[in-house]
Amino acid sequence: MPSLPHVSGETVVRVLTDMGFVVARQRGSHVVLRRGATGCVVPLHRELKVGTLAGVLKQAGLTVQEFVEALRA
């Protein structure tokens, strides 16, 4: 399994929208994305900590490998 990359919050939002998520709303520096009944909250920080990114992926129901493949595409 690949390790989690160091990416910004904006990059995570871009990758998730490419994967079919839609921005539901934003309040301050947090963006709420939805895909069907699944949703996740992404903070718009310059660099997300690895644990924060892992939590976002867990909320989104994605594996690390799926995220990394979408990031490279």
Protein backbone atom coordinates (compact mmCIF):
# COMPACT_ATOMS: atom_id res chain seq x y z
CA MET A 1 0.00 0.00 0.00
CA PRO A 2 1.41 3.41 -0.91
CA SER A 3 1.98 5.95 1.80
CA LEU A 4 -0.11 9.10 1.99
CA PRO A 5 1.31 12.03 0.04
CA HIS A 6 1.73 15.54 1.38
CA VAL A 7 -0.90 17.58 -0.46
CA SER A 8 -2.84 20.78 0.06
CA GLY A 9 -6.53 20.95 0.89
CA GLU A 10 -7.26 22.48 -2.50
CA THR A 11 -5.58 19.51 -4.21
CA VAL A 12 -7.70 17.08 -2.20
CA VAL A 13 -10.88 18.95 -3.18
CA ARG A 14 -9.82 18.88 -6.84
CA VAL A 15 -9.09 15.13 -6.78
CA LEU A 16 -12.33 14.31 -4.98
CA THR A 17 -14.39 16.39 -7.42
CA ASP A 18 -12.70 14.53 -10.28
CA MET A 19 -13.81 11.30 -8.56
CA GLY A 20 -17.46 12.36 -8.57
CA PHE A 21 -17.82 14.34 -5.34
CA VAL A 22 -19.67 17.66 -5.45
CA VAL A 23 -18.97 20.68 -3.26
CA ALA A 24 -22.07 20.94 -1.07
CA ARG A 25 -21.02 23.99 0.91
CA GLN A 26 -18.10 25.87 2.40
CA ARG A 27 -17.85 27.64 5.71
CA GLY A 28 -14.62 29.44 6.38
CA SER A 29 -11.71 27.17 5.55
CA HIS A 30 -13.69 23.91 5.49
CA VAL A 31 -15.32 22.47 2.37
CA VAL A 32 -18.06 19.83 2.62
CA LEU A 33 -18.17 17.43 -0.32
CA ARG A 34 -20.89 14.89 -1.10
CA ARG A 35 -21.28 11.88 -3.38
CA GLY A 36 -24.64 10.24 -2.86
CA ALA A 37 -25.06 9.50 0.84
CA THR A 38 -21.30 9.75 1.45
CA GLY A 39 -19.79 13.03 2.54
CA CYS A 40 -16.51 14.38 3.85
CA VAL A 41 -15.08 17.62 5.20
CA VAL A 42 -11.78 18.94 3.81
CA PRO A 43 -9.89 21.76 5.52
CA LEU A 44 -8.28 24.18 3.06
CA HIS A 45 -4.81 24.19 4.57
CA ARG A 46 -1.58 24.61 2.62
CA GLU A 47 -0.51 21.09 3.58
CA LEU A 48 -2.75 18.52 5.23
CA LYS A 49 -1.21 16.37 7.92
CA VAL A 50 -1.14 12.66 7.15
CA GLY A 51 -3.67 11.85 9.88
CA THR A 52 -6.06 14.53 8.62
CA LEU A 53 -5.84 13.20 5.07
CA ALA A 54 -6.41 9.66 6.34
CA GLY A 55 -9.54 10.86 8.14
CA VAL A 56 -10.85 12.60 5.02
CA LEU A 57 -10.34 9.44 2.96
CA LYS A 58 -12.09 7.36 5.61
CA GLN A 59 -15.07 9.74 5.59
CA ALA A 60 -15.13 9.58 1.78
CA GLY A 61 -14.97 5.77 1.77
CA LEU A 62 -11.80 5.70 -0.33
CA THR A 63 -8.61 3.70 0.01
CA VAL A 64 -5.18 5.28 -0.07
CA GLN A 65 -4.44 3.51 -3.34
CA GLU A 66 -7.59 4.87 -5.01
CA PHE A 67 -6.69 8.40 -3.91
CA VAL A 68 -3.07 8.15 -5.04
CA GLU A 69 -4.09 6.78 -8.46
CA ALA A 70 -6.60 9.61 -8.91
CA LEU A 71 -3.97 12.13 -7.80
CA ARG A 72 -1.52 10.91 -10.46
CA ALA A 73 -4.16 10.87 -13.22
